[in-house]
N, C-alpha and C. Protein backbone atom coordinates (compact mmCIF):
# COMPACT_ATOMS: atom_id res chain seq x y z
N MET A 1 0.83 -1.21 0.00
CA MET A 1 0.00 0.00 0.00
C MET A 1 0.87 1.26 0.00
N ASN A 2 0.36 2.31 -0.64
CA ASN A 2 1.07 3.57 -0.56
C ASN A 2 0.84 4.21 0.81
N ASP A 3 1.62 5.24 1.13
CA ASP A 3 1.55 5.84 2.46
C ASP A 3 0.17 6.42 2.77
N ARG A 4 -0.45 7.04 1.78
CA ARG A 4 -1.76 7.65 2.00
C ARG A 4 -2.81 6.59 2.35
N LEU A 5 -2.84 5.53 1.58
CA LEU A 5 -3.81 4.46 1.83
C LEU A 5 -3.52 3.78 3.17
N THR A 6 -2.25 3.62 3.51
CA THR A 6 -1.89 3.04 4.80
C THR A 6 -2.46 3.87 5.95
N GLN A 7 -2.34 5.19 5.85
CA GLN A 7 -2.89 6.07 6.89
C GLN A 7 -4.42 5.95 6.98
N GLN A 8 -5.05 5.90 5.82
CA GLN A 8 -6.52 5.82 5.80
C GLN A 8 -7.01 4.51 6.41
N ILE A 9 -6.35 3.42 6.07
CA ILE A 9 -6.74 2.12 6.62
C ILE A 9 -6.47 2.07 8.13
N GLN A 10 -5.37 2.66 8.56
CA GLN A 10 -5.07 2.72 9.99
C GLN A 10 -6.18 3.46 10.74
N PHE A 11 -6.65 4.57 10.16
CA PHE A 11 -7.74 5.34 10.77
C PHE A 11 -9.01 4.50 10.82
N ILE A 12 -9.34 3.83 9.74
CA ILE A 12 -10.55 3.01 9.67
C ILE A 12 -10.52 1.91 10.72
N ILE A 13 -9.37 1.28 10.90
CA ILE A 13 -9.25 0.24 11.92
C ILE A 13 -9.36 0.85 13.32
N GLU A 14 -8.75 2.01 13.51
CA GLU A 14 -8.77 2.66 14.83
C GLU A 14 -10.18 3.02 15.26
N ILE A 15 -11.00 3.53 14.35
CA ILE A 15 -12.33 3.99 14.76
C ILE A 15 -13.29 2.85 15.07
N ASP A 16 -12.90 1.63 14.77
CA ASP A 16 -13.71 0.48 15.20
C ASP A 16 -13.82 0.44 16.72
N LYS A 17 -12.86 1.06 17.40
CA LYS A 17 -12.87 1.08 18.87
C LYS A 17 -14.07 1.84 19.43
N LEU A 18 -14.71 2.69 18.61
CA LEU A 18 -15.87 3.44 19.10
C LEU A 18 -17.01 2.49 19.48
N LYS A 19 -17.01 1.31 18.89
CA LYS A 19 -18.05 0.32 19.21
C LYS A 19 -17.93 -0.19 20.64
N ASN A 20 -16.78 0.05 21.27
CA ASN A 20 -16.56 -0.40 22.65
C ASN A 20 -16.90 0.67 23.69
N ILE A 21 -17.21 1.88 23.24
CA ILE A 21 -17.48 2.98 24.16
C ILE A 21 -18.96 2.99 24.52
N LEU A 22 -19.27 2.68 25.76
CA LEU A 22 -20.67 2.62 26.19
C LEU A 22 -21.16 3.97 26.69
N ARG A 23 -22.37 4.30 26.31
CA ARG A 23 -23.04 5.51 26.77
C ARG A 23 -23.96 5.16 27.94
N GLN A 24 -24.38 6.16 28.68
CA GLN A 24 -25.32 5.93 29.78
C GLN A 24 -26.70 5.53 29.26
N THR A 25 -27.08 6.09 28.11
CA THR A 25 -28.42 5.84 27.58
C THR A 25 -28.57 4.40 27.13
N LYS A 26 -29.71 3.83 27.47
CA LYS A 26 -30.01 2.46 27.06
C LYS A 26 -30.79 2.43 25.76
N LEU A 27 -30.80 1.27 25.11
CA LEU A 27 -31.60 1.09 23.92
C LEU A 27 -33.07 1.30 24.24
N THR A 28 -33.89 1.49 23.23
CA THR A 28 -35.31 1.76 23.47
C THR A 28 -36.00 0.63 24.22
N ASN A 29 -35.50 -0.60 24.06
CA ASN A 29 -36.12 -1.71 24.80
C ASN A 29 -35.53 -1.89 26.19
N GLY A 30 -34.56 -1.05 26.55
CA GLY A 30 -33.98 -1.07 27.89
C GLY A 30 -33.07 -2.24 28.17
N SER A 31 -32.74 -3.03 27.15
CA SER A 31 -31.99 -4.27 27.38
C SER A 31 -30.52 -4.06 27.72
N ARG A 32 -29.94 -2.98 27.20
CA ARG A 32 -28.52 -2.71 27.46
C ARG A 32 -28.21 -1.27 27.11
N GLN A 33 -27.01 -0.82 27.50
CA GLN A 33 -26.53 0.50 27.10
C GLN A 33 -26.17 0.48 25.61
N GLU A 34 -26.43 1.58 24.94
CA GLU A 34 -25.97 1.68 23.55
C GLU A 34 -24.49 2.06 23.55
N ASN A 35 -23.81 1.79 22.45
CA ASN A 35 -22.44 2.27 22.32
C ASN A 35 -22.41 3.51 21.43
N SER A 36 -21.31 4.20 21.44
CA SER A 36 -21.23 5.49 20.76
C SER A 36 -21.32 5.37 19.24
N ALA A 37 -20.87 4.24 18.70
CA ALA A 37 -20.99 4.03 17.26
C ALA A 37 -22.47 3.89 16.87
N GLU A 38 -23.23 3.18 17.68
CA GLU A 38 -24.66 3.04 17.42
C GLU A 38 -25.36 4.39 17.52
N HIS A 39 -24.98 5.16 18.50
CA HIS A 39 -25.54 6.50 18.67
C HIS A 39 -25.27 7.37 17.45
N SER A 40 -24.04 7.36 16.96
CA SER A 40 -23.66 8.17 15.81
C SER A 40 -24.44 7.77 14.57
N TRP A 41 -24.58 6.47 14.35
CA TRP A 41 -25.38 5.98 13.22
C TRP A 41 -26.83 6.44 13.33
N HIS A 42 -27.38 6.33 14.52
CA HIS A 42 -28.79 6.64 14.73
C HIS A 42 -29.08 8.11 14.43
N ILE A 43 -28.25 9.01 14.94
CA ILE A 43 -28.51 10.43 14.74
C ILE A 43 -28.20 10.87 13.30
N ALA A 44 -27.29 10.18 12.62
CA ALA A 44 -27.06 10.47 11.20
C ALA A 44 -28.30 10.13 10.37
N ILE A 45 -28.93 9.01 10.68
CA ILE A 45 -30.19 8.65 10.02
C ILE A 45 -31.27 9.67 10.36
N MET A 46 -31.30 10.12 11.61
CA MET A 46 -32.27 11.14 12.01
C MET A 46 -32.12 12.40 11.16
N ALA A 47 -30.90 12.78 10.84
CA ALA A 47 -30.67 13.98 10.03
C ALA A 47 -31.30 13.83 8.65
N ILE A 48 -31.23 12.64 8.10
CA ILE A 48 -31.84 12.39 6.79
C ILE A 48 -33.37 12.48 6.89
N ILE A 49 -33.92 11.81 7.89
CA ILE A 49 -35.37 11.71 8.03
C ILE A 49 -36.00 13.05 8.45
N LEU A 50 -35.32 13.80 9.29
CA LEU A 50 -35.88 15.03 9.85
C LEU A 50 -35.37 16.30 9.16
N ALA A 51 -34.75 16.13 8.02
CA ALA A 51 -34.15 17.28 7.32
C ALA A 51 -35.16 18.38 7.02
N GLU A 52 -36.41 18.02 6.80
CA GLU A 52 -37.42 19.03 6.44
C GLU A 52 -37.71 20.01 7.57
N TYR A 53 -37.29 19.68 8.80
CA TYR A 53 -37.52 20.56 9.94
C TYR A 53 -36.33 21.45 10.26
N ALA A 54 -35.31 21.37 9.42
CA ALA A 54 -34.13 22.22 9.60
C ALA A 54 -34.35 23.58 8.96
N GLU A 55 -33.63 24.57 9.45
CA GLU A 55 -33.67 25.90 8.83
C GLU A 55 -33.05 25.83 7.43
N PRO A 56 -33.46 26.73 6.52
CA PRO A 56 -32.98 26.67 5.14
C PRO A 56 -31.46 26.72 5.00
N GLU A 57 -30.78 27.37 5.94
CA GLU A 57 -29.32 27.51 5.86
C GLU A 57 -28.56 26.22 6.19
N VAL A 58 -29.25 25.24 6.71
CA VAL A 58 -28.58 24.01 7.16
C VAL A 58 -28.14 23.17 5.97
N ASP A 59 -26.88 22.76 5.99
CA ASP A 59 -26.31 21.83 5.00
C ASP A 59 -26.45 20.43 5.58
N ILE A 60 -27.43 19.68 5.10
CA ILE A 60 -27.74 18.38 5.69
C ILE A 60 -26.59 17.38 5.51
N ILE A 61 -25.97 17.38 4.35
CA ILE A 61 -24.84 16.46 4.14
C ILE A 61 -23.72 16.75 5.14
N LYS A 62 -23.45 18.03 5.35
CA LYS A 62 -22.42 18.41 6.31
C LYS A 62 -22.84 18.02 7.72
N ALA A 63 -24.13 18.20 8.05
CA ALA A 63 -24.63 17.80 9.37
C ALA A 63 -24.45 16.30 9.58
N ILE A 64 -24.73 15.52 8.56
CA ILE A 64 -24.55 14.06 8.66
C ILE A 64 -23.09 13.73 8.94
N LYS A 65 -22.19 14.40 8.25
CA LYS A 65 -20.76 14.17 8.49
C LYS A 65 -20.40 14.50 9.93
N MET A 66 -20.89 15.63 10.42
CA MET A 66 -20.62 16.01 11.81
C MET A 66 -21.10 14.94 12.78
N LEU A 67 -22.31 14.46 12.55
CA LEU A 67 -22.90 13.48 13.46
C LEU A 67 -22.16 12.15 13.43
N LEU A 68 -21.61 11.79 12.29
CA LEU A 68 -20.87 10.54 12.19
C LEU A 68 -19.50 10.61 12.83
N ILE A 69 -18.90 11.79 12.87
CA ILE A 69 -17.52 11.88 13.39
C ILE A 69 -17.42 12.54 14.76
N HIS A 70 -18.50 13.18 15.25
CA HIS A 70 -18.36 14.04 16.44
C HIS A 70 -17.96 13.28 17.70
N ASP A 71 -18.28 12.00 17.77
CA ASP A 71 -17.95 11.24 18.97
C ASP A 71 -16.71 10.36 18.82
N LEU A 72 -16.00 10.45 17.71
CA LEU A 72 -14.80 9.63 17.54
C LEU A 72 -13.76 9.91 18.62
N ILE A 73 -13.76 11.13 19.14
CA ILE A 73 -12.81 11.50 20.18
C ILE A 73 -13.03 10.69 21.47
N GLU A 74 -14.20 10.08 21.60
CA GLU A 74 -14.48 9.29 22.79
C GLU A 74 -13.64 8.01 22.86
N ILE A 75 -13.03 7.63 21.75
CA ILE A 75 -12.12 6.49 21.76
C ILE A 75 -11.02 6.70 22.79
N ASP A 76 -10.53 7.93 22.90
CA ASP A 76 -9.52 8.29 23.89
C ASP A 76 -10.12 8.94 25.13
N ALA A 77 -11.08 9.85 24.90
CA ALA A 77 -11.59 10.68 26.00
C ALA A 77 -12.71 10.01 26.79
N GLY A 78 -13.30 8.94 26.24
CA GLY A 78 -14.43 8.29 26.89
C GLY A 78 -15.71 9.11 26.71
N ASP A 79 -16.83 8.50 27.03
CA ASP A 79 -18.10 9.22 26.99
C ASP A 79 -18.34 9.83 28.36
N THR A 80 -18.45 11.16 28.39
CA THR A 80 -18.72 11.86 29.65
C THR A 80 -20.22 12.07 29.76
N PHE A 81 -20.83 11.52 30.79
CA PHE A 81 -22.27 11.65 30.99
C PHE A 81 -22.63 13.13 31.07
N CYS A 82 -23.61 13.54 30.32
CA CYS A 82 -23.92 14.97 30.20
C CYS A 82 -24.31 15.61 31.53
N TYR A 83 -24.83 14.82 32.48
CA TYR A 83 -25.25 15.37 33.77
C TYR A 83 -24.19 15.19 34.86
N ASP A 84 -23.00 14.72 34.47
CA ASP A 84 -21.91 14.54 35.42
C ASP A 84 -21.11 15.84 35.51
N VAL A 85 -21.43 16.67 36.49
CA VAL A 85 -20.81 17.99 36.60
C VAL A 85 -19.30 17.88 36.77
N LYS A 86 -18.84 17.00 37.64
CA LYS A 86 -17.40 16.84 37.87
C LYS A 86 -16.70 16.33 36.62
N GLY A 87 -17.28 15.33 35.97
CA GLY A 87 -16.67 14.77 34.77
C GLY A 87 -16.55 15.76 33.63
N ASN A 88 -17.45 16.74 33.59
CA ASN A 88 -17.43 17.73 32.52
C ASN A 88 -16.39 18.82 32.73
N LEU A 89 -15.79 18.89 33.91
CA LEU A 89 -14.81 19.94 34.18
C LEU A 89 -13.59 19.86 33.27
N ASP A 90 -13.09 18.65 33.02
CA ASP A 90 -11.91 18.52 32.16
C ASP A 90 -12.25 17.86 30.82
N LYS A 91 -13.51 17.82 30.49
CA LYS A 91 -13.97 17.17 29.25
C LYS A 91 -13.34 17.81 28.02
N ALA A 92 -13.38 19.12 27.93
CA ALA A 92 -12.85 19.81 26.75
C ALA A 92 -11.37 19.51 26.55
N GLU A 93 -10.61 19.54 27.62
CA GLU A 93 -9.17 19.27 27.53
C GLU A 93 -8.90 17.86 27.02
N ARG A 94 -9.63 16.89 27.57
CA ARG A 94 -9.45 15.50 27.15
C ARG A 94 -9.83 15.31 25.69
N GLU A 95 -10.88 15.96 25.26
CA GLU A 95 -11.38 15.77 23.90
C GLU A 95 -10.50 16.45 22.86
N ILE A 96 -9.94 17.60 23.18
CA ILE A 96 -9.03 18.27 22.25
C ILE A 96 -7.79 17.41 22.01
N LYS A 97 -7.27 16.86 23.09
CA LYS A 97 -6.10 15.97 22.97
C LYS A 97 -6.45 14.75 22.12
N ALA A 98 -7.62 14.19 22.34
CA ALA A 98 -8.06 13.01 21.58
C ALA A 98 -8.24 13.35 20.10
N ALA A 99 -8.82 14.52 19.82
CA ALA A 99 -9.04 14.93 18.43
C ALA A 99 -7.71 15.04 17.68
N THR A 100 -6.72 15.58 18.35
CA THR A 100 -5.40 15.74 17.73
C THR A 100 -4.82 14.39 17.34
N ARG A 101 -4.92 13.42 18.22
CA ARG A 101 -4.35 12.10 17.91
C ARG A 101 -5.16 11.35 16.86
N ILE A 102 -6.47 11.27 17.05
CA ILE A 102 -7.30 10.41 16.21
C ILE A 102 -7.42 10.96 14.80
N PHE A 103 -7.77 12.24 14.64
CA PHE A 103 -7.85 12.80 13.30
C PHE A 103 -6.47 12.88 12.66
N GLY A 104 -5.44 13.00 13.49
CA GLY A 104 -4.07 13.07 12.99
C GLY A 104 -3.56 11.79 12.37
N LEU A 105 -4.32 10.71 12.49
CA LEU A 105 -3.94 9.46 11.84
C LEU A 105 -4.14 9.54 10.32
N LEU A 106 -4.98 10.43 9.88
CA LEU A 106 -5.33 10.56 8.47
C LEU A 106 -4.31 11.40 7.71
N PRO A 107 -4.31 11.30 6.38
CA PRO A 107 -3.54 12.25 5.57
C PRO A 107 -3.95 13.68 5.93
N SER A 108 -3.05 14.62 5.81
CA SER A 108 -3.22 15.95 6.39
C SER A 108 -4.50 16.65 5.98
N GLU A 109 -4.88 16.61 4.70
CA GLU A 109 -6.07 17.36 4.29
C GLU A 109 -7.35 16.72 4.82
N GLN A 110 -7.37 15.39 4.94
CA GLN A 110 -8.52 14.72 5.52
C GLN A 110 -8.57 14.94 7.03
N ALA A 111 -7.41 14.93 7.66
CA ALA A 111 -7.35 15.22 9.09
C ALA A 111 -7.88 16.61 9.37
N GLU A 112 -7.51 17.57 8.54
CA GLU A 112 -7.97 18.95 8.73
C GLU A 112 -9.47 19.07 8.50
N GLU A 113 -9.99 18.38 7.48
CA GLU A 113 -11.43 18.43 7.21
C GLU A 113 -12.24 17.91 8.39
N LEU A 114 -11.85 16.75 8.92
CA LEU A 114 -12.60 16.16 10.04
C LEU A 114 -12.42 16.98 11.31
N ARG A 115 -11.23 17.50 11.52
CA ARG A 115 -11.00 18.35 12.70
C ARG A 115 -11.88 19.60 12.64
N GLN A 116 -11.98 20.20 11.46
CA GLN A 116 -12.82 21.39 11.32
C GLN A 116 -14.29 21.07 11.52
N LEU A 117 -14.75 19.93 11.02
CA LEU A 117 -16.14 19.52 11.24
C LEU A 117 -16.41 19.34 12.73
N TRP A 118 -15.48 18.68 13.41
CA TRP A 118 -15.64 18.44 14.85
C TRP A 118 -15.66 19.77 15.62
N GLU A 119 -14.76 20.67 15.27
CA GLU A 119 -14.71 21.96 15.95
C GLU A 119 -15.96 22.79 15.68
N GLU A 120 -16.46 22.76 14.47
CA GLU A 120 -17.69 23.49 14.15
C GLU A 120 -18.86 22.96 14.96
N PHE A 121 -18.94 21.64 15.08
CA PHE A 121 -19.99 21.02 15.89
C PHE A 121 -19.87 21.48 17.35
N GLU A 122 -18.67 21.41 17.89
CA GLU A 122 -18.45 21.75 19.29
C GLU A 122 -18.73 23.23 19.57
N GLU A 123 -18.40 24.11 18.64
CA GLU A 123 -18.61 25.54 18.84
C GLU A 123 -20.08 25.92 18.73
N SER A 124 -20.85 25.16 17.96
CA SER A 124 -22.31 25.34 17.86
C SER A 124 -22.71 26.77 17.49
N LYS A 125 -22.06 27.32 16.48
CA LYS A 125 -22.37 28.69 16.04
C LYS A 125 -23.11 28.72 14.72
N THR A 126 -22.84 27.77 13.83
CA THR A 126 -23.50 27.75 12.53
C THR A 126 -24.85 27.06 12.63
N GLU A 127 -25.74 27.36 11.68
CA GLU A 127 -27.05 26.72 11.67
C GLU A 127 -26.92 25.21 11.49
N THR A 128 -25.95 24.79 10.70
CA THR A 128 -25.74 23.35 10.49
C THR A 128 -25.33 22.66 11.78
N ALA A 129 -24.40 23.26 12.50
CA ALA A 129 -23.97 22.67 13.78
C ALA A 129 -25.10 22.66 14.79
N LYS A 130 -25.88 23.72 14.82
CA LYS A 130 -27.00 23.78 15.76
C LYS A 130 -28.02 22.69 15.50
N PHE A 131 -28.29 22.42 14.22
CA PHE A 131 -29.24 21.36 13.88
C PHE A 131 -28.67 19.99 14.26
N ALA A 132 -27.38 19.79 13.98
CA ALA A 132 -26.74 18.51 14.33
C ALA A 132 -26.79 18.29 15.85
N ILE A 133 -26.50 19.32 16.61
CA ILE A 133 -26.54 19.21 18.07
C ILE A 133 -27.95 18.94 18.56
N ALA A 134 -28.94 19.57 17.92
CA ALA A 134 -30.33 19.32 18.31
C ALA A 134 -30.69 17.85 18.18
N LEU A 135 -30.23 17.21 17.11
CA LEU A 135 -30.51 15.78 16.93
C LEU A 135 -29.75 14.93 17.94
N ASP A 136 -28.53 15.35 18.25
CA ASP A 136 -27.73 14.67 19.27
C ASP A 136 -28.42 14.71 20.63
N ARG A 137 -29.15 15.77 20.91
CA ARG A 137 -29.88 15.91 22.17
C ARG A 137 -31.23 15.18 22.12
N LEU A 138 -31.88 15.24 20.96
CA LEU A 138 -33.22 14.65 20.83
C LEU A 138 -33.20 13.13 20.94
N GLN A 139 -32.18 12.49 20.38
CA GLN A 139 -32.16 11.02 20.34
C GLN A 139 -32.23 10.37 21.72
N PRO A 140 -31.42 10.78 22.70
CA PRO A 140 -31.55 10.15 24.02
C PRO A 140 -32.86 10.48 24.73
N LEU A 141 -33.46 11.61 24.41
CA LEU A 141 -34.78 11.92 24.96
C LEU A 141 -35.79 10.89 24.48
N LEU A 142 -35.75 10.58 23.19
CA LEU A 142 -36.64 9.57 22.63
C LEU A 142 -36.40 8.20 23.27
N GLN A 143 -35.12 7.88 23.47
CA GLN A 143 -34.80 6.58 24.08
C GLN A 143 -35.32 6.50 25.51
N ASN A 144 -35.12 7.56 26.27
CA ASN A 144 -35.61 7.54 27.66
C ASN A 144 -37.13 7.50 27.72
N GLN A 145 -37.78 8.09 26.76
CA GLN A 145 -39.24 7.99 26.69
C GLN A 145 -39.65 6.54 26.45
N GLN A 146 -38.96 5.88 25.54
CA GLN A 146 -39.34 4.52 25.16
C GLN A 146 -38.95 3.47 26.18
N ASN A 147 -37.88 3.72 26.95
CA ASN A 147 -37.45 2.71 27.93
C ASN A 147 -37.86 3.08 29.36
N TYR A 148 -38.97 3.84 29.44
CA TYR A 148 -39.60 4.17 30.73
C TYR A 148 -38.71 5.02 31.64
N GLY A 149 -37.96 5.94 31.00
CA GLY A 149 -37.13 6.86 31.79
C GLY A 149 -35.86 6.22 32.32
N GLY A 150 -35.35 5.23 31.61
CA GLY A 150 -34.20 4.45 32.08
C GLY A 150 -33.07 5.22 32.71
N THR A 151 -32.38 6.07 31.94
CA THR A 151 -31.24 6.82 32.47
C THR A 151 -31.67 7.83 33.52
N TRP A 152 -32.80 8.47 33.29
CA TRP A 152 -33.30 9.44 34.28
C TRP A 152 -33.57 8.76 35.61
N GLN A 153 -34.17 7.59 35.55
CA GLN A 153 -34.51 6.86 36.78
C GLN A 153 -33.24 6.41 37.51
N THR A 154 -32.27 5.93 36.75
CA THR A 154 -31.03 5.42 37.33
C THR A 154 -30.25 6.52 38.06
N HIS A 155 -30.23 7.71 37.47
CA HIS A 155 -29.38 8.78 37.99
C HIS A 155 -30.17 9.90 38.68
N GLY A 156 -31.46 9.72 38.84
CA GLY A 156 -32.26 10.73 39.52
C GLY A 156 -32.34 12.05 38.77
N ILE A 157 -32.39 11.98 37.46
CA ILE A 157 -32.45 13.19 36.64
C ILE A 157 -33.88 13.75 36.65
N THR A 158 -33.98 15.05 36.80
CA THR A 158 -35.28 15.70 36.93
C THR A 158 -35.62 16.56 35.71
N GLU A 159 -36.88 17.00 35.69
CA GLU A 159 -37.40 17.76 34.56
C GLU A 159 -36.54 18.97 34.20
N ASN A 160 -36.13 19.73 35.20
CA ASN A 160 -35.38 20.95 34.93
C ASN A 160 -34.05 20.68 34.23
N LEU A 161 -33.38 19.63 34.65
CA LEU A 161 -32.13 19.25 34.01
C LEU A 161 -32.36 18.83 32.57
N VAL A 162 -33.42 18.09 32.33
CA VAL A 162 -33.73 17.64 30.97
C VAL A 162 -34.08 18.84 30.09
N ARG A 163 -34.88 19.77 30.60
CA ARG A 163 -35.23 20.95 29.82
C ARG A 163 -33.99 21.76 29.46
N LYS A 164 -33.08 21.90 30.41
CA LYS A 164 -31.83 22.62 30.15
C LYS A 164 -31.04 21.92 29.05
N ARG A 165 -30.98 20.62 29.12
CA ARG A 165 -30.25 19.84 28.13
C ARG A 165 -30.90 19.93 26.75
N MET A 166 -32.20 20.05 26.69
CA MET A 166 -32.93 20.05 25.43
C MET A 166 -33.06 21.44 24.80
N SER A 167 -32.59 22.48 25.46
CA SER A 167 -32.78 23.84 24.96
C SER A 167 -32.24 24.07 23.54
N PRO A 168 -31.15 23.43 23.12
CA PRO A 168 -30.68 23.63 21.74
C PRO A 168 -31.67 23.14 20.68
N VAL A 169 -32.55 22.23 21.04
CA VAL A 169 -33.51 21.72 20.06
C VAL A 169 -34.47 22.82 19.65
N GLN A 170 -34.99 23.53 20.63
CA GLN A 170 -35.90 24.63 20.35
C GLN A 170 -35.24 25.71 19.49
N GLU A 171 -33.98 25.98 19.78
CA GLU A 171 -33.26 27.00 19.03
C GLU A 171 -33.06 26.60 17.57
N ALA A 172 -32.81 25.32 17.33
CA ALA A 172 -32.52 24.85 15.98
C ALA A 172 -33.77 24.61 15.15
N SER A 173 -34.87 24.22 15.81
CA SER A 173 -36.08 23.87 15.08
C SER A 173 -37.30 24.00 15.98
N PRO A 174 -38.13 25.02 15.77
CA PRO A 174 -39.32 25.18 16.60
C PRO A 174 -40.24 23.96 16.58
N ILE A 175 -40.35 23.29 15.46
CA ILE A 175 -41.21 22.11 15.37
C ILE A 175 -40.67 20.99 16.25
N LEU A 176 -39.37 20.74 16.17
CA LEU A 176 -38.77 19.70 17.02
C LEU A 176 -38.77 20.15 18.47
N GLY A 177 -38.66 21.45 18.70
CA GLY A 177 -38.76 21.96 20.06
C GLY A 177 -40.12 21.70 20.67
N LYS A 178 -41.16 21.86 19.88
CA LYS A 178 -42.51 21.56 20.35
C LYS A 178 -42.66 20.07 20.66
N LEU A 179 -42.04 19.24 19.82
CA LEU A 179 -42.06 17.79 20.07
C LEU A 179 -41.41 17.47 21.41
N VAL A 180 -40.29 18.13 21.70
CA VAL A 180 -39.60 17.93 22.98
C VAL A 180 -40.53 18.24 24.14
N GLU A 181 -41.23 19.36 24.06
CA GLU A 181 -42.16 19.74 25.13
C GLU A 181 -43.25 18.69 25.33
N GLU A 182 -43.75 18.15 24.24
CA GLU A 182 -44.78 17.12 24.33
C GLU A 182 -44.24 15.84 24.97
N ILE A 183 -43.01 15.47 24.60
CA ILE A 183 -42.40 14.26 25.16
C ILE A 183 -42.14 14.44 26.65
N ILE A 184 -41.61 15.58 27.05
CA ILE A 184 -41.35 15.83 28.47
C ILE A 184 -42.65 15.77 29.27
N ALA A 185 -43.69 16.41 28.76
CA ALA A 185 -44.98 16.38 29.45
C ALA A 185 -45.51 14.95 29.58
N ASP A 186 -45.39 14.18 28.52
CA ASP A 186 -45.85 12.79 28.56
C ASP A 186 -45.05 11.97 29.56
N CYS A 187 -43.74 12.21 29.62
CA CYS A 187 -42.88 11.44 30.53
C CYS A 187 -43.16 11.81 31.99
N ILE A 188 -43.45 13.06 32.25
CA ILE A 188 -43.82 13.47 33.61
C ILE A 188 -45.14 12.82 34.00
N ALA A 189 -46.11 12.86 33.08
CA ALA A 189 -47.42 12.27 33.37
C ALA A 189 -47.32 10.77 33.60
N ALA A 190 -46.41 10.12 32.88
CA ALA A 190 -46.25 8.67 33.01
C ALA A 190 -45.40 8.28 34.22
N GLY A 191 -44.76 9.26 34.87
CA GLY A 191 -43.92 8.97 36.02
C GLY A 191 -42.50 8.59 35.67
N TYR A 192 -42.09 8.78 34.41
CA TYR A 192 -40.72 8.47 34.01
C TYR A 192 -39.74 9.56 34.41
N LEU A 193 -40.25 10.77 34.57
CA LEU A 193 -39.41 11.94 34.82
C LEU A 193 -40.01 12.73 35.98
N LYS A 194 -39.17 13.02 36.96
CA LYS A 194 -39.62 13.73 38.16
C LYS A 194 -39.71 15.22 37.92
N LYS A 195 -40.81 15.82 38.30
CA LYS A 195 -40.99 17.26 38.20
C LYS A 195 -40.50 17.91 39.49
N GLU A 196 -39.89 19.11 39.37
CA GLU A 196 -39.42 19.82 40.55
C GLU A 196 -39.50 21.32 40.30
N PRO A 197 -39.43 22.14 41.35
CA PRO A 197 -39.49 23.59 41.15
C PRO A 197 -38.41 24.07 40.21
N LEU A 198 -38.75 25.03 39.35
CA LEU A 198 -37.83 25.47 38.31
C LEU A 198 -36.55 26.10 38.83
N ALA A 199 -36.53 26.57 40.03
CA ALA A 199 -35.35 27.27 40.55
C ALA A 199 -34.22 26.33 40.95
N GLU A 200 -34.49 25.03 41.02
CA GLU A 200 -33.51 24.10 41.57
C GLU A 200 -32.68 23.43 40.48
N LEU A 201 -31.42 23.12 40.84
CA LEU A 201 -30.57 22.19 40.12
C LEU A 201 -30.47 22.37 38.63
N ILE A 202 -30.06 23.53 38.17
CA ILE A 202 -29.80 23.70 36.74
C ILE A 202 -28.36 24.18 36.56
N PRO A 203 -27.40 23.26 36.50
CA PRO A 203 -26.02 23.67 36.29
C PRO A 203 -25.88 24.46 34.99
N ASP A 204 -24.95 25.40 34.93
CA ASP A 204 -24.81 26.25 33.78
C ASP A 204 -24.28 25.53 32.55
N LYS A 205 -23.48 24.48 32.77
CA LYS A 205 -22.79 23.88 31.62
C LYS A 205 -23.26 22.45 31.39
N LEU A 206 -24.47 22.32 30.91
CA LEU A 206 -25.00 21.00 30.51
C LEU A 206 -25.14 20.96 29.02
C-alpha cells in the first residue's frame, strides 16, 4: 500500500474502537446501554429523516458528516455523561487531545477536514452545527421515553435538568422543540421523569 492508503486504513481500523465505548443511555427496549458508534449511526439517520424541519441555511450532508464523526474522540476521552458535573470539568481538555491524535492518523487534508467539522460542531455557532446538536440531544430523549425513563430513573435526573439539556432543540427547530415539550410532558405524566421547582438544580454547563 502507498503511504496515503496506509494512513486511511489505519484510521478506519482505529475507529472500530468506538463500538466499545458505552453511553449511559439504554436502547429503546432497555436491554442494554448503547455504544457510541450506534448513537452516531442513529442520529445520522435522524438527520436524513428530519431534514425538512431544519432551517434553510442548514447543509444536511455536512450535518450528517458532523454526526458521524463528532464522537470519535471518545475512543480516547471516553463518553462523559452529560449530567456529570465533575466529569465535565476537564472534558474539553481530554477531547481536544483526543481529536489531535485520532484525526491526525489521516492524511493531512482529511485530518484537517474532520477536525474542522468536529470543531464546528463543538462551537455550535452555525445553523448546520445547531441542527446537528439538536438531533444529538433529541435522540436520548426519545430513548428515555421509550425505555420508561431508564437513564433518568437510574441517575435521579429531573425535569429541569432535561429541559436545560434540550434547549438547543428549540433554538434549531421550533417544530422539534414543540415535540420535545410534548415528550417531556408525557414522561412526567407517566412517572418516568420527576418534576421539581424550576429554581432548583440547573447547572450552567450542561
